[in-house]
Amino acid sequence: MGREALDLLAFFGSLVETLAGLVMRPARLRWVSVVSHIERTGLNALPIVGMISFLVGVVLAFQGADQLRRFGAQVFTVNMVGISVLREMGILLTAIVVAGRSGSAFTAEIGAMQVNEEVDALRVTGLDPMEVLVAPRVIALVIALPLLTFFADMMGLLGGGVMSVLLIDVSFGQYWRLLNNAVALNTFIVGLVKAPVFALLIALVGCFEGLRVSGSAESVGRLTTRSVVEGIFLVIIFDALFSILFSYIGV
């Protein structure tokens, strides 16, 4: 584990060096590849992310209203849904879905290229795999995940609103007014700030494991599974660190 952590840290350093080079020479960035990966990791993920977030909002509102009914405080269901979705559930569930969906795809795609010796062919022709394969995927996911998180937040609040209307006898107008009073702007920003960091972790692990694939199909499957597990693990670890940091600074 320690050796793999050091290898991942070295890979991150190589990525930073590559990105710095692209900043100095932006013409070398493959924008077609970036836009293609934004479509695949962001736009194509909207249905599953939206459905999961909507249902999570429904469940949070249902469970919250059921428990708060015992204390005559059902109206605070709106507070619970708003804070839970915007601070934690929206970004965390979206990152987990993206890790399972896009992180595994990154590993499988690059791993298949490793098996077919296409990565070696890139090096022979003078192209840097970090610049051609890794950087566009990282940049695309860093752009796509915050947008997916915003969409997930809105769908989660919508699901909570639908269930609140059905359970606690408020109209949609009242629900949004209560939500506006319960949730401050920094609550929304706290969840959104995590998205680029989680995107970087997921893309970094996915590409790192893909480039470690050896010449067998078994290696592709094994490292694809490992990339998903490692990506989700790192997302949860960094989410806990963010929670401690925000609590410490009083956000």
Protein backbone atom coordinates (compact mmCIF):
# COMPACT_ATOMS: atom_id res chain seq x y z
CA MET A 1 0.00 0.00 0.00
CA GLY A 2 2.81 2.39 0.85
CA ARG A 3 4.63 1.65 -2.39
CA GLU A 4 1.46 2.14 -4.42
CA ALA A 5 0.75 5.42 -2.60
CA LEU A 6 4.24 6.66 -3.50
CA ASP A 7 3.76 5.59 -7.12
CA LEU A 8 0.43 7.43 -7.24
CA LEU A 9 2.07 10.53 -5.75
CA ALA A 10 4.83 10.35 -8.38
CA PHE A 11 2.17 9.99 -11.08
CA PHE A 12 0.42 13.07 -9.71
CA GLY A 13 3.71 14.98 -9.92
CA SER A 14 4.12 13.91 -13.54
CA LEU A 15 0.55 15.06 -14.25
CA VAL A 16 1.24 18.47 -12.68
CA GLU A 17 4.35 18.81 -14.84
CA THR A 18 2.35 17.90 -17.95
CA LEU A 19 -0.44 20.35 -17.12
CA ALA A 20 2.10 23.09 -16.48
CA GLY A 21 3.57 22.42 -19.92
CA LEU A 22 0.12 22.64 -21.50
CA VAL A 23 -0.48 25.97 -19.78
CA MET A 24 2.73 27.28 -21.33
CA ARG A 25 1.84 25.76 -24.73
CA PRO A 26 -1.98 25.58 -24.88
CA ALA A 27 -1.93 24.68 -28.58
CA ARG A 28 -0.71 21.20 -27.58
CA LEU A 29 -3.90 20.46 -25.63
CA ARG A 30 -6.26 18.19 -27.57
CA TRP A 31 -9.54 20.04 -27.21
CA VAL A 32 -11.47 17.55 -29.33
CA SER A 33 -10.52 14.82 -26.90
CA VAL A 34 -11.42 17.01 -23.90
CA VAL A 35 -14.88 17.82 -25.29
CA SER A 36 -15.47 14.17 -26.17
CA HIS A 37 -14.66 13.09 -22.61
CA ILE A 38 -16.84 15.85 -21.16
CA GLU A 39 -19.73 14.42 -23.17
CA ARG A 40 -19.02 10.86 -22.07
CA THR A 41 -18.33 11.57 -18.39
CA GLY A 42 -20.80 14.43 -17.91
CA LEU A 43 -23.63 14.62 -20.40
CA ASN A 44 -24.13 10.87 -20.72
CA ALA A 45 -24.16 10.49 -16.92
CA LEU A 46 -27.05 12.93 -16.38
CA PRO A 47 -29.87 10.32 -16.42
CA ILE A 48 -28.38 7.99 -13.78
CA VAL A 49 -27.10 10.82 -11.58
CA GLY A 50 -30.42 12.65 -11.78
CA MET A 51 -32.47 9.56 -10.97
CA ILE A 52 -30.30 8.58 -7.99
CA SER A 53 -30.27 12.12 -6.59
CA PHE A 54 -34.04 12.51 -6.99
CA LEU A 55 -34.69 9.23 -5.17
CA VAL A 56 -32.23 10.10 -2.41
CA GLY A 57 -34.06 13.40 -1.90
CA VAL A 58 -37.34 11.47 -1.69
CA VAL A 59 -35.90 9.04 0.88
CA LEU A 60 -34.36 11.81 3.01
CA ALA A 61 -37.64 13.73 3.11
CA PHE A 62 -39.68 10.61 3.87
CA GLN A 63 -37.41 9.41 6.68
CA GLY A 64 -36.97 12.91 8.08
CA ALA A 65 -40.69 13.64 8.14
CA ASP A 66 -41.39 10.26 9.73
CA GLN A 67 -38.92 10.83 12.55
CA LEU A 68 -39.67 14.53 13.12
CA ARG A 69 -43.42 13.86 13.26
CA ARG A 70 -42.89 12.38 16.73
CA PHE A 71 -41.72 15.77 17.99
CA GLY A 72 -44.19 17.89 16.03
CA ALA A 73 -41.32 19.35 14.00
CA GLN A 74 -42.10 18.09 10.50
CA VAL A 75 -41.48 21.53 9.02
CA PHE A 76 -37.76 21.07 9.75
CA THR A 77 -37.72 18.28 7.17
CA VAL A 78 -36.99 21.00 4.63
CA ASN A 79 -33.90 22.10 6.58
CA MET A 80 -32.63 18.54 6.80
CA VAL A 81 -33.13 17.84 3.11
CA GLY A 82 -31.52 21.09 2.00
CA ILE A 83 -28.42 20.82 4.17
CA SER A 84 -27.92 17.08 3.62
CA VAL A 85 -28.24 17.25 -0.16
CA LEU A 86 -26.19 20.40 -0.72
CA ARG A 87 -23.36 19.71 1.72
CA GLU A 88 -22.88 15.96 1.44
CA MET A 89 -25.26 13.68 -0.41
CA GLY A 90 -25.27 15.46 -3.77
CA ILE A 91 -21.51 15.56 -4.29
CA LEU A 92 -20.75 12.26 -2.53
CA LEU A 93 -23.24 10.15 -4.48
CA THR A 94 -22.28 11.85 -7.75
CA ALA A 95 -18.59 11.20 -7.13
CA ILE A 96 -19.24 7.53 -6.29
CA VAL A 97 -21.32 7.06 -9.45
CA VAL A 98 -18.65 8.77 -11.56
CA ALA A 99 -15.90 6.67 -9.96
CA GLY A 100 -17.77 3.50 -10.86
CA ARG A 101 -18.76 4.71 -14.30
CA SER A 102 -15.98 6.94 -15.63
CA GLY A 103 -13.03 5.93 -13.46
CA SER A 104 -13.43 2.31 -14.52
CA ALA A 105 -13.80 3.38 -18.16
CA PHE A 106 -10.53 5.33 -18.01
CA THR A 107 -8.70 2.29 -16.64
CA ALA A 108 -10.24 -0.13 -19.13
CA GLU A 109 -9.58 2.13 -22.14
CA ILE A 110 -5.95 2.86 -21.30
CA GLY A 111 -5.43 -0.73 -20.13
CA ALA A 112 -6.65 -2.08 -23.46
CA MET A 113 -4.23 0.27 -25.21
CA GLN A 114 -1.44 -1.08 -23.00
CA VAL A 115 -2.33 -4.67 -23.91
CA ASN A 116 -2.35 -3.79 -27.62
CA GLU A 117 0.96 -1.91 -27.22
CA GLU A 118 -0.63 1.31 -28.45
CA VAL A 119 0.86 3.27 -25.54
CA ASP A 120 4.34 2.04 -26.50
CA ALA A 121 3.61 3.08 -30.08
CA LEU A 122 2.79 6.60 -28.86
CA ARG A 123 6.14 6.79 -27.08
CA VAL A 124 8.00 5.52 -30.14
CA THR A 125 6.43 8.23 -32.31
CA GLY A 126 7.54 10.90 -29.81
CA LEU A 127 4.17 11.53 -28.15
CA ASP A 128 3.80 11.69 -24.37
CA PRO A 129 1.01 9.40 -23.07
CA MET A 130 0.49 11.80 -20.16
CA GLU A 131 -0.25 14.58 -22.62
CA VAL A 132 -2.29 12.51 -25.09
CA LEU A 133 -4.22 10.13 -22.81
CA VAL A 134 -4.18 11.39 -19.22
CA ALA A 135 -4.41 15.19 -19.36
CA PRO A 136 -7.58 15.37 -21.54
CA ARG A 137 -9.38 12.91 -19.26
CA VAL A 138 -8.40 14.77 -16.10
CA ILE A 139 -9.36 18.17 -17.49
CA ALA A 140 -12.67 16.84 -18.83
CA LEU A 141 -13.67 15.28 -15.51
CA VAL A 142 -12.63 18.36 -13.52
CA ILE A 143 -15.01 20.37 -15.74
CA ALA A 144 -17.83 17.80 -15.83
CA LEU A 145 -18.11 16.80 -12.16
CA PRO A 146 -19.00 20.26 -10.76
CA LEU A 147 -21.73 20.54 -13.42
CA LEU A 148 -23.00 17.06 -12.54
CA THR A 149 -22.95 18.00 -8.86
CA PHE A 150 -25.07 21.08 -9.49
CA PHE A 151 -27.55 18.96 -11.44
CA ALA A 152 -27.58 16.33 -8.67
CA ASP A 153 -28.23 19.02 -6.03
CA MET A 154 -31.20 20.38 -7.96
CA MET A 155 -32.66 16.91 -8.52
CA GLY A 156 -32.17 16.01 -4.85
CA LEU A 157 -33.96 19.17 -3.73
CA LEU A 158 -36.73 18.47 -6.24
CA GLY A 159 -37.19 14.95 -4.89
CA GLY A 160 -37.27 16.28 -1.34
CA GLY A 161 -39.80 18.90 -2.41
CA VAL A 162 -42.12 16.35 -4.00
CA MET A 163 -42.13 14.21 -0.87
CA SER A 164 -42.48 17.25 1.41
CA VAL A 165 -45.56 18.39 -0.50
CA LEU A 166 -47.08 14.94 -0.06
CA LEU A 167 -46.16 14.43 3.61
CA ILE A 168 -46.07 17.73 5.48
CA ASP A 169 -48.84 19.58 3.67
CA VAL A 170 -46.88 22.46 2.17
CA SER A 171 -47.08 23.82 -1.35
CA PHE A 172 -44.06 23.97 -3.67
CA GLY A 173 -43.94 27.74 -3.15
CA GLN A 174 -43.80 27.30 0.62
CA TYR A 175 -41.19 24.56 0.26
CA TRP A 176 -38.85 26.80 -1.73
CA ARG A 177 -39.37 29.70 0.71
CA LEU A 178 -38.58 27.44 3.67
CA LEU A 179 -35.58 26.09 1.82
CA ASN A 180 -34.33 29.60 1.07
CA ASN A 181 -34.57 30.46 4.78
CA ALA A 182 -32.89 27.23 5.88
CA VAL A 183 -29.98 27.07 3.44
CA ALA A 184 -27.33 29.76 3.08
CA LEU A 185 -25.16 30.26 -0.01
CA ASN A 186 -22.09 28.85 1.73
CA THR A 187 -23.94 25.53 2.21
CA PHE A 188 -24.23 25.22 -1.56
CA ILE A 189 -20.62 26.33 -2.12
CA VAL A 190 -19.28 23.80 0.43
CA GLY A 191 -20.61 20.92 -1.66
CA LEU A 192 -19.50 22.41 -4.96
CA VAL A 193 -15.94 23.15 -3.81
CA LYS A 194 -15.33 19.43 -3.28
CA ALA A 195 -16.24 18.49 -6.85
CA PRO A 196 -12.99 19.45 -8.67
CA VAL A 197 -10.89 17.72 -6.01
CA PHE A 198 -12.94 14.52 -6.22
CA ALA A 199 -12.80 14.67 -10.03
CA LEU A 200 -9.01 14.96 -9.93
CA LEU A 201 -8.76 11.97 -7.58
CA ILE A 202 -11.06 9.77 -9.69
CA ALA A 203 -9.37 10.62 -13.00
CA LEU A 204 -5.90 10.32 -11.48
CA VAL A 205 -6.54 6.85 -10.08
CA GLY A 206 -8.31 5.66 -13.23
CA CYS A 207 -5.48 6.70 -15.55
CA PHE A 208 -2.77 5.55 -13.12
CA GLU A 209 -4.16 2.03 -12.89
CA GLY A 210 -4.73 1.92 -16.65
CA LEU A 211 -1.08 2.62 -17.37
CA ARG A 212 -0.07 -0.14 -14.92
CA VAL A 213 -1.86 -2.83 -16.91
CA SER A 214 0.42 -5.61 -18.14
CA GLY A 215 -0.11 -7.64 -21.28
CA SER A 216 -3.15 -9.71 -20.32
CA ALA A 217 -6.93 -9.37 -20.25
CA GLU A 218 -6.94 -10.55 -16.63
CA SER A 219 -4.79 -7.58 -15.68
CA VAL A 220 -7.30 -5.17 -17.27
CA GLY A 221 -10.18 -6.57 -15.21
CA ARG A 222 -8.19 -6.70 -11.97
CA LEU A 223 -6.87 -3.16 -12.21
CA THR A 224 -10.24 -1.79 -13.37
CA THR A 225 -11.79 -3.20 -10.20
CA ARG A 226 -8.94 -1.79 -8.13
CA SER A 227 -9.31 1.68 -9.67
CA VAL A 228 -13.01 1.81 -8.71
CA VAL A 229 -12.30 0.70 -5.13
CA GLU A 230 -9.37 3.10 -4.73
CA GLY A 231 -11.30 5.98 -6.29
CA ILE A 232 -14.30 5.56 -3.97
CA PHE A 233 -11.98 5.08 -0.97
CA LEU A 234 -10.07 8.30 -1.70
CA VAL A 235 -13.31 10.22 -2.29
CA ILE A 236 -14.65 9.20 1.12
CA ILE A 237 -11.33 9.92 2.85
CA PHE A 238 -11.10 13.40 1.33
CA ASP A 239 -14.77 14.04 2.08
CA ALA A 240 -14.04 13.34 5.75
CA LEU A 241 -11.02 15.67 5.61
CA PHE A 242 -13.15 18.39 4.03
CA SER A 243 -15.75 17.96 6.80
CA ILE A 244 -13.07 18.38 9.45
CA LEU A 245 -11.63 21.43 7.67
CA PHE A 246 -15.00 23.14 7.24
CA SER A 247 -15.90 22.43 10.83
CA TYR A 248 -12.57 23.87 11.98
CA ILE A 249 -12.99 27.12 10.01
CA GLY A 250 -16.67 27.36 10.96
CA VAL A 251 -18.23 27.01 7.50
